[in-house]
N, C-alpha and C. Protein backbone atom coordinates (compact mmCIF):
# COMPACT_ATOMS: atom_id res chain seq x y z
N UNK A 1 0.85 -1.20 0.00
CA UNK A 1 0.00 0.00 0.00
C UNK A 1 0.87 1.23 0.00
N UNK A 2 0.55 2.21 -0.83
CA UNK A 2 1.34 3.44 -0.89
C UNK A 2 1.19 4.21 0.41
N UNK A 3 2.26 4.89 0.80
CA UNK A 3 2.24 5.64 2.05
C UNK A 3 1.11 6.65 2.09
N UNK A 4 0.90 7.36 0.96
CA UNK A 4 -0.09 8.43 0.96
C UNK A 4 -1.50 7.89 1.14
N UNK A 5 -1.74 6.64 0.74
CA UNK A 5 -3.08 6.09 0.87
C UNK A 5 -3.46 5.85 2.32
N UNK A 6 -2.51 5.91 3.24
CA UNK A 6 -2.80 5.73 4.65
C UNK A 6 -3.12 7.05 5.33
N UNK A 7 -3.04 8.14 4.60
CA UNK A 7 -3.30 9.46 5.16
C UNK A 7 -4.78 9.77 5.05
N UNK A 8 -5.40 10.41 6.07
CA UNK A 8 -6.83 10.70 6.02
C UNK A 8 -7.23 11.48 4.78
N UNK A 9 -8.42 11.16 4.27
CA UNK A 9 -8.87 11.74 3.01
C UNK A 9 -9.19 13.21 3.10
N UNK A 10 -9.23 13.78 4.29
CA UNK A 10 -9.52 15.20 4.40
C UNK A 10 -8.33 16.05 3.98
N UNK A 11 -7.19 15.43 3.79
CA UNK A 11 -6.00 16.21 3.51
C UNK A 11 -5.96 16.68 2.07
N UNK A 12 -5.27 17.77 1.88
CA UNK A 12 -5.22 18.43 0.57
C UNK A 12 -4.79 17.52 -0.56
N UNK A 13 -3.67 16.85 -0.45
CA UNK A 13 -3.12 16.15 -1.60
C UNK A 13 -3.93 14.94 -1.99
N UNK A 14 -4.64 14.33 -1.05
CA UNK A 14 -5.52 13.23 -1.42
C UNK A 14 -6.68 13.77 -2.24
N UNK A 15 -7.25 14.92 -1.80
CA UNK A 15 -8.32 15.57 -2.57
C UNK A 15 -7.84 15.94 -3.96
N UNK A 16 -6.63 16.43 -4.04
CA UNK A 16 -6.12 16.97 -5.30
C UNK A 16 -5.65 15.90 -6.26
N UNK A 17 -5.06 14.83 -5.75
CA UNK A 17 -4.36 13.90 -6.62
C UNK A 17 -5.06 12.55 -6.77
N UNK A 18 -6.33 12.46 -6.41
CA UNK A 18 -7.08 11.24 -6.61
C UNK A 18 -8.10 11.48 -7.69
N UNK A 19 -7.76 11.18 -8.90
CA UNK A 19 -8.62 11.44 -10.05
C UNK A 19 -9.60 10.32 -10.29
N UNK A 20 -10.33 10.45 -11.41
CA UNK A 20 -11.37 9.49 -11.74
C UNK A 20 -10.86 8.34 -12.58
N UNK A 21 -9.58 8.36 -12.95
CA UNK A 21 -9.03 7.29 -13.73
C UNK A 21 -9.11 7.50 -15.22
N UNK A 22 -9.63 8.61 -15.68
CA UNK A 22 -9.71 8.90 -17.10
C UNK A 22 -8.35 9.36 -17.60
N UNK A 23 -8.09 9.12 -18.87
CA UNK A 23 -6.84 9.59 -19.46
C UNK A 23 -6.95 11.08 -19.76
N UNK A 24 -5.86 11.81 -19.55
CA UNK A 24 -5.84 13.22 -19.90
C UNK A 24 -4.70 13.46 -20.88
N UNK A 25 -4.80 14.57 -21.60
CA UNK A 25 -3.78 14.89 -22.60
C UNK A 25 -2.52 15.45 -21.97
N UNK A 26 -2.59 15.83 -20.71
CA UNK A 26 -1.45 16.42 -20.03
C UNK A 26 -1.20 15.68 -18.73
N UNK A 27 0.01 15.83 -18.22
CA UNK A 27 0.35 15.23 -16.94
C UNK A 27 0.87 16.32 -16.01
N UNK A 28 0.89 16.01 -14.74
CA UNK A 28 1.44 16.92 -13.76
C UNK A 28 2.92 17.19 -14.07
N UNK A 29 3.33 18.45 -13.93
CA UNK A 29 4.70 18.82 -14.24
C UNK A 29 5.32 19.64 -13.11
N UNK A 30 6.62 19.49 -12.96
CA UNK A 30 7.42 20.28 -12.03
C UNK A 30 8.51 20.93 -12.87
N UNK A 31 8.42 22.24 -13.05
CA UNK A 31 9.36 22.97 -13.90
C UNK A 31 10.27 23.84 -13.03
N UNK A 32 11.55 23.53 -13.02
CA UNK A 32 12.53 24.30 -12.26
C UNK A 32 13.10 25.39 -13.15
N UNK A 33 12.90 26.63 -12.73
CA UNK A 33 13.32 27.77 -13.53
C UNK A 33 14.80 28.10 -13.27
N UNK A 34 15.33 28.98 -14.09
CA UNK A 34 16.75 29.34 -14.01
C UNK A 34 17.12 29.92 -12.66
N UNK A 35 16.20 30.67 -12.05
CA UNK A 35 16.49 31.29 -10.75
C UNK A 35 16.18 30.38 -9.57
N UNK A 36 15.81 29.13 -9.84
CA UNK A 36 15.53 28.19 -8.77
C UNK A 36 14.09 28.13 -8.34
N UNK A 37 13.26 29.05 -8.82
CA UNK A 37 11.83 28.97 -8.52
C UNK A 37 11.23 27.76 -9.23
N UNK A 38 10.12 27.30 -8.73
CA UNK A 38 9.47 26.11 -9.27
C UNK A 38 8.04 26.43 -9.65
N UNK A 39 7.67 26.04 -10.86
CA UNK A 39 6.28 26.12 -11.29
C UNK A 39 5.71 24.70 -11.31
N UNK A 40 4.71 24.48 -10.52
CA UNK A 40 4.11 23.15 -10.37
C UNK A 40 2.71 23.19 -10.98
N UNK A 41 2.51 22.38 -12.01
CA UNK A 41 1.21 22.30 -12.67
C UNK A 41 0.61 20.94 -12.41
N UNK A 42 -0.49 20.91 -11.67
CA UNK A 42 -1.17 19.65 -11.36
C UNK A 42 -2.37 19.50 -12.27
N UNK A 43 -2.47 18.36 -12.94
CA UNK A 43 -3.54 18.11 -13.89
C UNK A 43 -4.25 16.83 -13.48
N UNK A 44 -5.56 16.94 -13.23
CA UNK A 44 -6.33 15.77 -12.84
C UNK A 44 -7.75 15.86 -13.36
N UNK A 45 -8.46 14.73 -13.34
CA UNK A 45 -9.87 14.66 -13.73
C UNK A 45 -10.75 14.78 -12.51
N UNK A 46 -11.75 15.65 -12.60
CA UNK A 46 -12.69 15.84 -11.51
C UNK A 46 -14.08 16.03 -12.08
N UNK A 47 -15.07 15.79 -11.22
CA UNK A 47 -16.44 16.06 -11.64
C UNK A 47 -16.72 17.55 -11.67
N UNK A 48 -17.83 17.91 -12.26
CA UNK A 48 -18.19 19.33 -12.34
C UNK A 48 -18.39 19.91 -10.95
N UNK A 49 -18.03 21.16 -10.81
CA UNK A 49 -18.25 21.86 -9.55
C UNK A 49 -17.10 21.74 -8.56
N UNK A 50 -16.04 21.03 -8.91
CA UNK A 50 -14.95 20.83 -7.96
C UNK A 50 -13.92 21.95 -8.00
N UNK A 51 -13.88 22.72 -9.06
CA UNK A 51 -12.82 23.73 -9.21
C UNK A 51 -12.91 24.81 -8.14
N UNK A 52 -14.12 25.29 -7.84
CA UNK A 52 -14.27 26.34 -6.83
C UNK A 52 -13.81 25.86 -5.46
N UNK A 53 -14.20 24.62 -5.11
CA UNK A 53 -13.79 24.08 -3.82
C UNK A 53 -12.28 23.90 -3.77
N UNK A 54 -11.70 23.47 -4.88
CA UNK A 54 -10.26 23.30 -4.93
C UNK A 54 -9.54 24.63 -4.82
N UNK A 55 -10.05 25.65 -5.51
CA UNK A 55 -9.43 26.98 -5.44
C UNK A 55 -9.41 27.48 -4.00
N UNK A 56 -10.54 27.33 -3.31
CA UNK A 56 -10.63 27.79 -1.93
C UNK A 56 -9.68 27.01 -1.03
N UNK A 57 -9.62 25.69 -1.20
CA UNK A 57 -8.76 24.88 -0.37
C UNK A 57 -7.28 25.21 -0.61
N UNK A 58 -6.90 25.34 -1.88
CA UNK A 58 -5.52 25.63 -2.19
C UNK A 58 -5.08 26.97 -1.63
N UNK A 59 -5.96 27.98 -1.74
CA UNK A 59 -5.61 29.29 -1.22
C UNK A 59 -5.49 29.27 0.29
N UNK A 60 -6.38 28.54 0.95
CA UNK A 60 -6.32 28.44 2.41
C UNK A 60 -5.03 27.77 2.86
N UNK A 61 -4.66 26.66 2.19
CA UNK A 61 -3.45 25.96 2.56
C UNK A 61 -2.20 26.80 2.27
N UNK A 62 -2.24 27.52 1.14
CA UNK A 62 -1.10 28.36 0.77
C UNK A 62 -0.92 29.49 1.78
N UNK A 63 -2.02 30.13 2.15
CA UNK A 63 -1.95 31.21 3.13
C UNK A 63 -1.39 30.71 4.46
N UNK A 64 -1.83 29.52 4.86
CA UNK A 64 -1.36 28.95 6.12
C UNK A 64 0.13 28.68 6.07
N UNK A 65 0.59 28.09 4.98
CA UNK A 65 2.02 27.77 4.87
C UNK A 65 2.85 29.05 4.80
N UNK A 66 2.41 30.00 4.00
CA UNK A 66 3.16 31.26 3.88
C UNK A 66 3.29 31.97 5.22
N UNK A 67 2.20 32.02 5.96
CA UNK A 67 2.22 32.74 7.24
C UNK A 67 3.12 32.05 8.26
N UNK A 68 3.28 30.73 8.12
CA UNK A 68 4.08 29.98 9.08
C UNK A 68 5.55 29.87 8.69
N UNK A 69 5.84 29.89 7.37
CA UNK A 69 7.19 29.58 6.93
C UNK A 69 7.83 30.64 6.02
N UNK A 70 7.02 31.43 5.34
CA UNK A 70 7.55 32.38 4.37
C UNK A 70 6.97 33.76 4.63
N UNK A 71 7.48 34.76 3.92
CA UNK A 71 6.97 36.10 4.14
C UNK A 71 7.17 36.97 2.91
N UNK A 72 6.42 38.05 2.86
CA UNK A 72 6.60 39.05 1.82
C UNK A 72 6.40 38.51 0.42
N UNK A 73 7.27 38.93 -0.49
CA UNK A 73 7.15 38.56 -1.89
C UNK A 73 7.70 37.16 -2.18
N UNK A 74 8.23 36.51 -1.17
CA UNK A 74 8.84 35.19 -1.37
C UNK A 74 7.88 34.05 -1.08
N UNK A 75 6.60 34.33 -0.99
CA UNK A 75 5.63 33.29 -0.66
C UNK A 75 5.23 32.45 -1.86
N UNK A 76 4.53 31.36 -1.55
CA UNK A 76 3.96 30.49 -2.57
C UNK A 76 2.72 31.17 -3.13
N UNK A 77 2.51 31.04 -4.43
CA UNK A 77 1.38 31.70 -5.09
C UNK A 77 0.57 30.66 -5.88
N UNK A 78 -0.75 30.69 -5.70
CA UNK A 78 -1.64 29.91 -6.56
C UNK A 78 -1.86 30.76 -7.82
N UNK A 79 -1.21 30.38 -8.90
CA UNK A 79 -1.23 31.19 -10.11
C UNK A 79 -2.52 31.05 -10.89
N UNK A 80 -3.05 29.84 -10.97
CA UNK A 80 -4.27 29.62 -11.75
C UNK A 80 -4.93 28.32 -11.33
N UNK A 81 -6.27 28.33 -11.37
CA UNK A 81 -7.07 27.11 -11.25
C UNK A 81 -8.06 27.15 -12.40
N UNK A 82 -7.89 26.23 -13.35
CA UNK A 82 -8.72 26.23 -14.55
C UNK A 82 -9.41 24.88 -14.68
N UNK A 83 -10.63 24.89 -15.21
CA UNK A 83 -11.35 23.63 -15.40
C UNK A 83 -12.05 23.64 -16.74
N UNK A 84 -12.25 22.44 -17.26
CA UNK A 84 -12.96 22.27 -18.52
C UNK A 84 -13.06 20.80 -18.87
N UNK A 85 -14.25 20.35 -19.24
CA UNK A 85 -14.48 18.95 -19.61
C UNK A 85 -14.07 17.99 -18.51
N UNK A 86 -14.30 18.38 -17.26
CA UNK A 86 -13.98 17.50 -16.14
C UNK A 86 -12.53 17.50 -15.74
N UNK A 87 -11.69 18.28 -16.43
CA UNK A 87 -10.26 18.34 -16.12
C UNK A 87 -9.97 19.64 -15.37
N UNK A 88 -9.26 19.52 -14.26
CA UNK A 88 -8.86 20.69 -13.49
C UNK A 88 -7.34 20.80 -13.52
N UNK A 89 -6.87 22.00 -13.83
CA UNK A 89 -5.43 22.29 -13.84
C UNK A 89 -5.15 23.35 -12.79
N UNK A 90 -4.23 23.04 -11.90
CA UNK A 90 -3.82 23.98 -10.85
C UNK A 90 -2.35 24.33 -11.07
N UNK A 91 -2.05 25.62 -11.18
CA UNK A 91 -0.68 26.07 -11.38
C UNK A 91 -0.25 26.86 -10.15
N UNK A 92 0.87 26.46 -9.57
CA UNK A 92 1.40 27.14 -8.39
C UNK A 92 2.87 27.46 -8.62
N UNK A 93 3.34 28.56 -8.03
CA UNK A 93 4.76 28.90 -8.09
C UNK A 93 5.33 28.91 -6.68
N UNK A 94 6.55 28.40 -6.58
CA UNK A 94 7.25 28.26 -5.30
C UNK A 94 8.59 28.98 -5.40
N UNK A 95 9.02 29.66 -4.32
CA UNK A 95 10.27 30.41 -4.39
C UNK A 95 11.51 29.54 -4.52
N UNK A 96 11.42 28.29 -4.05
CA UNK A 96 12.57 27.39 -4.14
C UNK A 96 12.11 25.96 -3.85
N UNK A 97 13.07 25.03 -3.96
CA UNK A 97 12.75 23.61 -3.75
C UNK A 97 12.36 23.32 -2.31
N UNK A 98 12.96 24.03 -1.38
CA UNK A 98 12.64 23.80 0.03
C UNK A 98 11.17 24.13 0.32
N UNK A 99 10.68 25.23 -0.25
CA UNK A 99 9.28 25.60 -0.06
C UNK A 99 8.36 24.59 -0.73
N UNK A 100 8.74 24.11 -1.90
CA UNK A 100 7.94 23.11 -2.60
C UNK A 100 7.85 21.83 -1.78
N UNK A 101 8.99 21.36 -1.31
CA UNK A 101 9.01 20.15 -0.47
C UNK A 101 8.17 20.35 0.78
N UNK A 102 8.35 21.48 1.43
CA UNK A 102 7.63 21.72 2.67
C UNK A 102 6.13 21.79 2.49
N UNK A 103 5.68 22.52 1.46
CA UNK A 103 4.25 22.66 1.23
C UNK A 103 3.62 21.33 0.83
N UNK A 104 4.26 20.62 -0.08
CA UNK A 104 3.68 19.37 -0.57
C UNK A 104 3.63 18.29 0.50
N UNK A 105 4.48 18.41 1.51
CA UNK A 105 4.51 17.42 2.59
C UNK A 105 3.86 17.93 3.88
N UNK A 106 3.29 19.11 3.85
CA UNK A 106 2.79 19.73 5.07
C UNK A 106 1.79 18.85 5.82
N UNK A 107 0.81 18.30 5.12
CA UNK A 107 -0.23 17.52 5.78
C UNK A 107 0.26 16.16 6.24
N UNK A 108 1.05 15.49 5.40
CA UNK A 108 1.48 14.15 5.79
C UNK A 108 2.46 14.20 6.95
N UNK A 109 3.32 15.20 6.98
CA UNK A 109 4.27 15.32 8.09
C UNK A 109 3.53 15.57 9.40
N UNK A 110 2.41 16.28 9.33
CA UNK A 110 1.62 16.52 10.54
C UNK A 110 1.04 15.22 11.09
N UNK A 111 0.79 14.26 10.21
CA UNK A 111 0.26 12.96 10.63
C UNK A 111 1.40 12.05 11.10
N UNK A 112 2.46 11.97 10.27
CA UNK A 112 3.59 11.10 10.59
C UNK A 112 4.77 11.52 9.72
N UNK A 113 5.84 12.05 10.31
CA UNK A 113 6.99 12.49 9.51
C UNK A 113 7.56 11.40 8.60
N UNK A 114 7.35 10.14 8.95
CA UNK A 114 7.87 9.04 8.12
C UNK A 114 7.16 8.96 6.78
N UNK A 115 6.02 9.64 6.65
CA UNK A 115 5.27 9.62 5.40
C UNK A 115 5.81 10.62 4.38
N UNK A 116 6.76 11.44 4.78
CA UNK A 116 7.28 12.48 3.89
C UNK A 116 7.80 11.89 2.58
N UNK A 117 7.40 12.53 1.47
CA UNK A 117 7.90 12.16 0.14
C UNK A 117 8.78 13.30 -0.34
N UNK A 118 10.10 13.19 -0.26
CA UNK A 118 10.98 14.35 -0.44
C UNK A 118 11.14 14.80 -1.88
N UNK A 119 11.41 16.10 -2.02
CA UNK A 119 11.86 16.69 -3.26
C UNK A 119 13.09 17.53 -2.93
N UNK A 120 14.19 17.27 -3.64
CA UNK A 120 15.43 18.01 -3.41
C UNK A 120 15.95 18.53 -4.73
N UNK A 121 16.42 19.78 -4.72
CA UNK A 121 17.13 20.36 -5.86
C UNK A 121 18.26 21.21 -5.31
N UNK A 122 19.48 20.79 -5.58
CA UNK A 122 20.65 21.50 -5.09
C UNK A 122 21.88 20.75 -5.56
N UNK A 123 23.03 21.03 -4.97
CA UNK A 123 24.25 20.36 -5.39
C UNK A 123 24.30 18.94 -4.83
N UNK A 124 25.11 18.12 -5.49
CA UNK A 124 25.32 16.76 -5.00
C UNK A 124 25.90 16.78 -3.59
N UNK A 125 26.82 17.68 -3.33
CA UNK A 125 27.41 17.79 -2.00
C UNK A 125 26.34 18.10 -0.95
N UNK A 126 25.44 19.02 -1.27
CA UNK A 126 24.38 19.36 -0.32
C UNK A 126 23.44 18.17 -0.09
N UNK A 127 23.15 17.43 -1.15
CA UNK A 127 22.29 16.25 -1.02
C UNK A 127 22.92 15.23 -0.07
N UNK A 128 24.22 15.04 -0.22
CA UNK A 128 24.93 14.10 0.65
C UNK A 128 24.91 14.57 2.09
N UNK A 129 25.13 15.87 2.29
CA UNK A 129 25.12 16.42 3.64
C UNK A 129 23.75 16.31 4.29
N UNK A 130 22.70 16.33 3.48
CA UNK A 130 21.35 16.21 4.02
C UNK A 130 20.92 14.76 4.21
N UNK A 131 21.82 13.84 3.91
CA UNK A 131 21.55 12.44 4.24
C UNK A 131 20.93 11.60 3.15
N UNK A 132 20.87 12.10 1.91
CA UNK A 132 20.33 11.29 0.83
C UNK A 132 21.31 10.18 0.46
N UNK A 133 20.79 9.03 0.16
CA UNK A 133 21.59 7.87 -0.19
C UNK A 133 22.18 8.04 -1.59
N UNK A 134 23.49 8.04 -1.68
CA UNK A 134 24.16 8.16 -2.97
C UNK A 134 24.86 6.87 -3.37
N UNK A 135 24.61 5.78 -2.64
CA UNK A 135 25.15 4.48 -3.03
C UNK A 135 24.20 3.88 -4.06
N UNK A 136 24.20 4.49 -5.24
CA UNK A 136 23.26 4.14 -6.30
C UNK A 136 23.99 4.09 -7.63
N UNK A 137 23.29 3.62 -8.65
CA UNK A 137 23.83 3.62 -10.01
C UNK A 137 23.03 4.59 -10.86
N UNK A 138 23.73 5.45 -11.59
CA UNK A 138 23.09 6.37 -12.51
C UNK A 138 23.59 6.10 -13.92
N UNK A 139 22.66 6.09 -14.86
CA UNK A 139 22.96 5.83 -16.26
C UNK A 139 23.02 7.15 -17.03
N UNK A 140 23.95 7.25 -17.96
CA UNK A 140 24.02 8.43 -18.81
C UNK A 140 22.69 8.65 -19.51
N UNK A 141 22.25 9.90 -19.58
CA UNK A 141 20.97 10.22 -20.23
C UNK A 141 21.05 10.04 -21.74
N UNK A 142 22.27 10.00 -22.28
CA UNK A 142 22.41 9.92 -23.73
C UNK A 142 23.30 8.77 -24.21
N UNK A 143 24.05 8.15 -23.33
CA UNK A 143 24.99 7.12 -23.76
C UNK A 143 25.01 5.93 -22.84
N UNK A 144 26.14 5.22 -22.83
CA UNK A 144 26.28 3.99 -22.06
C UNK A 144 27.03 4.18 -20.75
N UNK A 145 27.57 5.36 -20.53
CA UNK A 145 28.39 5.59 -19.34
C UNK A 145 27.55 5.48 -18.07
N UNK A 146 28.18 4.97 -17.01
CA UNK A 146 27.48 4.74 -15.74
C UNK A 146 28.29 5.36 -14.60
N UNK A 147 27.58 5.97 -13.66
CA UNK A 147 28.17 6.35 -12.38
C UNK A 147 27.74 5.29 -11.37
N UNK A 148 28.70 4.65 -10.73
CA UNK A 148 28.41 3.54 -9.83
C UNK A 148 28.83 3.87 -8.41
N UNK A 149 27.88 4.19 -7.56
CA UNK A 149 28.17 4.36 -6.15
C UNK A 149 28.49 5.78 -5.73
N UNK A 150 28.63 5.95 -4.44
CA UNK A 150 28.79 7.26 -3.80
C UNK A 150 30.02 8.01 -4.30
N UNK A 151 31.15 7.32 -4.41
CA UNK A 151 32.39 8.00 -4.79
C UNK A 151 32.28 8.62 -6.18
N UNK A 152 31.73 7.85 -7.13
CA UNK A 152 31.55 8.38 -8.48
C UNK A 152 30.65 9.60 -8.48
N UNK A 153 29.57 9.53 -7.74
CA UNK A 153 28.60 10.62 -7.75
C UNK A 153 29.15 11.84 -7.02
N UNK A 154 29.85 11.63 -5.91
CA UNK A 154 30.43 12.75 -5.18
C UNK A 154 31.57 13.41 -5.95
N UNK A 155 32.14 12.72 -6.92
CA UNK A 155 33.17 13.35 -7.76
C UNK A 155 32.57 14.47 -8.60
N UNK A 156 31.25 14.52 -8.68
CA UNK A 156 30.54 15.59 -9.39
C UNK A 156 29.77 16.44 -8.38
N UNK A 157 30.42 16.67 -7.24
CA UNK A 157 29.75 17.29 -6.10
C UNK A 157 29.20 18.67 -6.34
N UNK A 158 29.76 19.44 -7.28
CA UNK A 158 29.28 20.79 -7.53
C UNK A 158 28.10 20.82 -8.50
N UNK A 159 27.84 19.71 -9.16
CA UNK A 159 26.71 19.65 -10.09
C UNK A 159 25.39 19.63 -9.34
N UNK A 160 24.35 20.17 -9.97
CA UNK A 160 23.02 20.13 -9.39
C UNK A 160 22.40 18.74 -9.60
N UNK A 161 21.58 18.34 -8.65
CA UNK A 161 20.88 17.07 -8.74
C UNK A 161 19.44 17.25 -8.24
N UNK A 162 18.53 16.56 -8.88
CA UNK A 162 17.13 16.51 -8.45
C UNK A 162 16.90 15.13 -7.85
N UNK A 163 16.31 15.09 -6.66
CA UNK A 163 15.93 13.83 -6.02
C UNK A 163 14.45 13.93 -5.67
N UNK A 164 13.68 12.96 -6.13
CA UNK A 164 12.22 13.08 -6.05
C UNK A 164 11.58 11.74 -5.71
N UNK A 165 10.65 11.79 -4.78
CA UNK A 165 9.87 10.61 -4.40
C UNK A 165 8.46 10.76 -4.97
N UNK A 166 8.11 9.92 -5.94
CA UNK A 166 6.82 10.06 -6.61
C UNK A 166 5.64 9.58 -5.79
N UNK A 167 5.88 9.16 -4.55
CA UNK A 167 4.75 9.01 -3.62
C UNK A 167 4.01 10.34 -3.49
N UNK A 168 4.73 11.45 -3.70
CA UNK A 168 4.13 12.78 -3.63
C UNK A 168 2.96 12.91 -4.61
N UNK A 169 3.05 12.22 -5.72
CA UNK A 169 1.99 12.29 -6.73
C UNK A 169 1.22 10.99 -6.85
N UNK A 170 1.25 10.19 -5.77
CA UNK A 170 0.53 8.91 -5.73
C UNK A 170 0.92 7.97 -6.86
N UNK A 171 2.13 8.12 -7.37
CA UNK A 171 2.61 7.22 -8.39
C UNK A 171 2.17 7.55 -9.80
N UNK A 172 1.31 8.55 -9.97
CA UNK A 172 0.89 8.95 -11.32
C UNK A 172 2.07 9.61 -12.03
N UNK A 173 2.13 9.51 -13.36
CA UNK A 173 3.28 10.07 -14.09
C UNK A 173 3.47 11.56 -13.82
N UNK A 174 4.73 11.95 -13.67
CA UNK A 174 5.12 13.34 -13.45
C UNK A 174 6.27 13.67 -14.40
N UNK A 175 6.19 14.81 -15.04
CA UNK A 175 7.31 15.29 -15.84
C UNK A 175 8.05 16.38 -15.06
N UNK A 176 9.37 16.29 -15.07
CA UNK A 176 10.22 17.28 -14.41
C UNK A 176 11.11 17.91 -15.46
N UNK A 177 11.11 19.23 -15.52
CA UNK A 177 11.95 19.93 -16.49
C UNK A 177 12.86 20.90 -15.76
N UNK A 178 13.98 21.21 -16.40
CA UNK A 178 14.98 22.09 -15.80
C UNK A 178 15.66 22.89 -16.89
N UNK A 179 16.31 23.96 -16.50
CA UNK A 179 17.06 24.77 -17.47
C UNK A 179 18.42 24.16 -17.78
N UNK A 180 18.88 23.23 -16.96
CA UNK A 180 20.17 22.57 -17.17
C UNK A 180 19.99 21.28 -17.96
N UNK A 181 21.01 20.91 -18.72
CA UNK A 181 20.96 19.66 -19.46
C UNK A 181 21.02 18.45 -18.56
N UNK A 182 20.55 17.33 -19.08
CA UNK A 182 20.55 16.08 -18.33
C UNK A 182 21.87 15.35 -18.54
N UNK A 183 22.48 14.89 -17.45
CA UNK A 183 23.71 14.10 -17.56
C UNK A 183 23.45 12.63 -17.24
N UNK A 184 22.94 12.35 -16.04
CA UNK A 184 22.73 10.97 -15.60
C UNK A 184 21.36 10.87 -14.92
N UNK A 185 20.74 9.70 -15.04
CA UNK A 185 19.43 9.48 -14.44
C UNK A 185 19.39 8.08 -13.82
N UNK A 186 18.54 7.91 -12.82
CA UNK A 186 18.34 6.58 -12.25
C UNK A 186 17.44 5.76 -13.16
N UNK A 187 17.38 4.46 -12.92
CA UNK A 187 16.69 3.59 -13.86
C UNK A 187 15.17 3.68 -13.78
N UNK A 188 14.63 4.46 -12.84
CA UNK A 188 13.18 4.68 -12.79
C UNK A 188 12.80 6.03 -13.41
N UNK A 189 13.71 6.59 -14.18
CA UNK A 189 13.50 7.88 -14.86
C UNK A 189 13.69 7.67 -16.36
N UNK A 190 12.83 8.29 -17.17
CA UNK A 190 12.99 8.23 -18.63
C UNK A 190 13.08 9.64 -19.18
N UNK A 191 13.91 9.80 -20.22
CA UNK A 191 14.04 11.11 -20.87
C UNK A 191 12.75 11.38 -21.64
N UNK A 192 12.18 12.58 -21.44
CA UNK A 192 10.91 12.94 -22.07
C UNK A 192 11.04 14.08 -23.06
N UNK A 193 12.23 14.59 -23.26
CA UNK A 193 12.46 15.72 -24.16
C UNK A 193 13.70 16.47 -23.72
N UNK A 194 13.98 17.58 -24.38
CA UNK A 194 15.15 18.37 -24.02
C UNK A 194 15.02 18.87 -22.59
N UNK A 195 15.98 18.49 -21.75
CA UNK A 195 16.02 18.92 -20.35
C UNK A 195 14.77 18.50 -19.58
N UNK A 196 14.13 17.41 -19.98
CA UNK A 196 12.90 16.97 -19.32
C UNK A 196 12.91 15.46 -19.15
N UNK A 197 12.35 15.01 -18.03
CA UNK A 197 12.25 13.58 -17.75
C UNK A 197 10.84 13.27 -17.26
N UNK A 198 10.53 11.98 -17.24
CA UNK A 198 9.26 11.52 -16.67
C UNK A 198 9.54 10.48 -15.60
N UNK A 199 8.81 10.58 -14.50
CA UNK A 199 8.91 9.64 -13.39
C UNK A 199 7.52 9.06 -13.18
N UNK A 200 7.43 7.73 -13.09
CA UNK A 200 6.10 7.13 -12.92
C UNK A 200 6.10 5.98 -11.94
N UNK A 201 7.17 5.80 -11.19
CA UNK A 201 7.25 4.74 -10.20
C UNK A 201 7.40 5.34 -8.80
N UNK A 202 7.10 4.50 -7.79
CA UNK A 202 7.18 4.98 -6.42
C UNK A 202 8.06 4.12 -5.53
N UNK A 203 8.60 3.03 -6.04
CA UNK A 203 9.35 2.13 -5.17
C UNK A 203 10.65 2.74 -4.68
N UNK A 204 11.30 3.54 -5.51
CA UNK A 204 12.59 4.13 -5.16
C UNK A 204 12.61 5.61 -5.49
N UNK A 205 13.53 6.34 -4.87
CA UNK A 205 13.73 7.74 -5.22
C UNK A 205 14.21 7.86 -6.65
N UNK A 206 13.79 8.91 -7.33
CA UNK A 206 14.27 9.23 -8.67
C UNK A 206 15.41 10.22 -8.54
N UNK A 207 16.49 10.00 -9.31
CA UNK A 207 17.66 10.87 -9.29
C UNK A 207 17.91 11.38 -10.70
N UNK A 208 18.12 12.70 -10.81
CA UNK A 208 18.45 13.32 -12.10
C UNK A 208 19.66 14.24 -11.87
N UNK A 209 20.82 13.85 -12.39
CA UNK A 209 22.04 14.62 -12.24
C UNK A 209 22.18 15.54 -13.45
N UNK A 210 22.42 16.82 -13.20
CA UNK A 210 22.35 17.83 -14.24
C UNK A 210 23.72 18.36 -14.66
N UNK A 211 23.75 18.95 -15.82
CA UNK A 211 24.96 19.55 -16.36
C UNK A 211 25.07 21.00 -15.88
N UNK A 212 25.46 21.14 -14.66
CA UNK A 212 25.56 22.47 -14.09
C UNK A 212 25.02 22.52 -12.68
């Protein structure tokens, strides 16, 4: 059973990320901008009349998080909530990866910190210092070269890396894009375009090592 499925249904992310099972033309995306801000677009199927309730809930949760953790112009913003043909798209902007991780895990951490599904964007050195497991194998995004284990990966300590647990999205496909080129990826990540990958599994953390 997925960790998030054990969380009470009153929580935001269960309301937001439990769709009707219909196929949509778009998937949820996490776009990391050049300045480190994150644009998160959530796309799901809902019945009619759900957009207003979702808008209100998202704004309430955003206001709560901002007042507790952020301030001024550096807060999280609900950019848009759009609906049509049973599909609801929610676009939010976050000042950095830490705010994104904190907001997306706010409810589950309140229930049990062990339920946290992390998102990290920073240098390899910082990831190691924060305790992420680097005893892993990463495959070249374009060739046959492999990084095997902590020493290989730490040799690229100044490079940026994305580490993501797709429990955050209940295992539904997520596309992650960045302004930096892709160098190495874990085996649960597939290249989806220029500087973009897709993650659709939840068993292990996804790792994306970047060119810069």
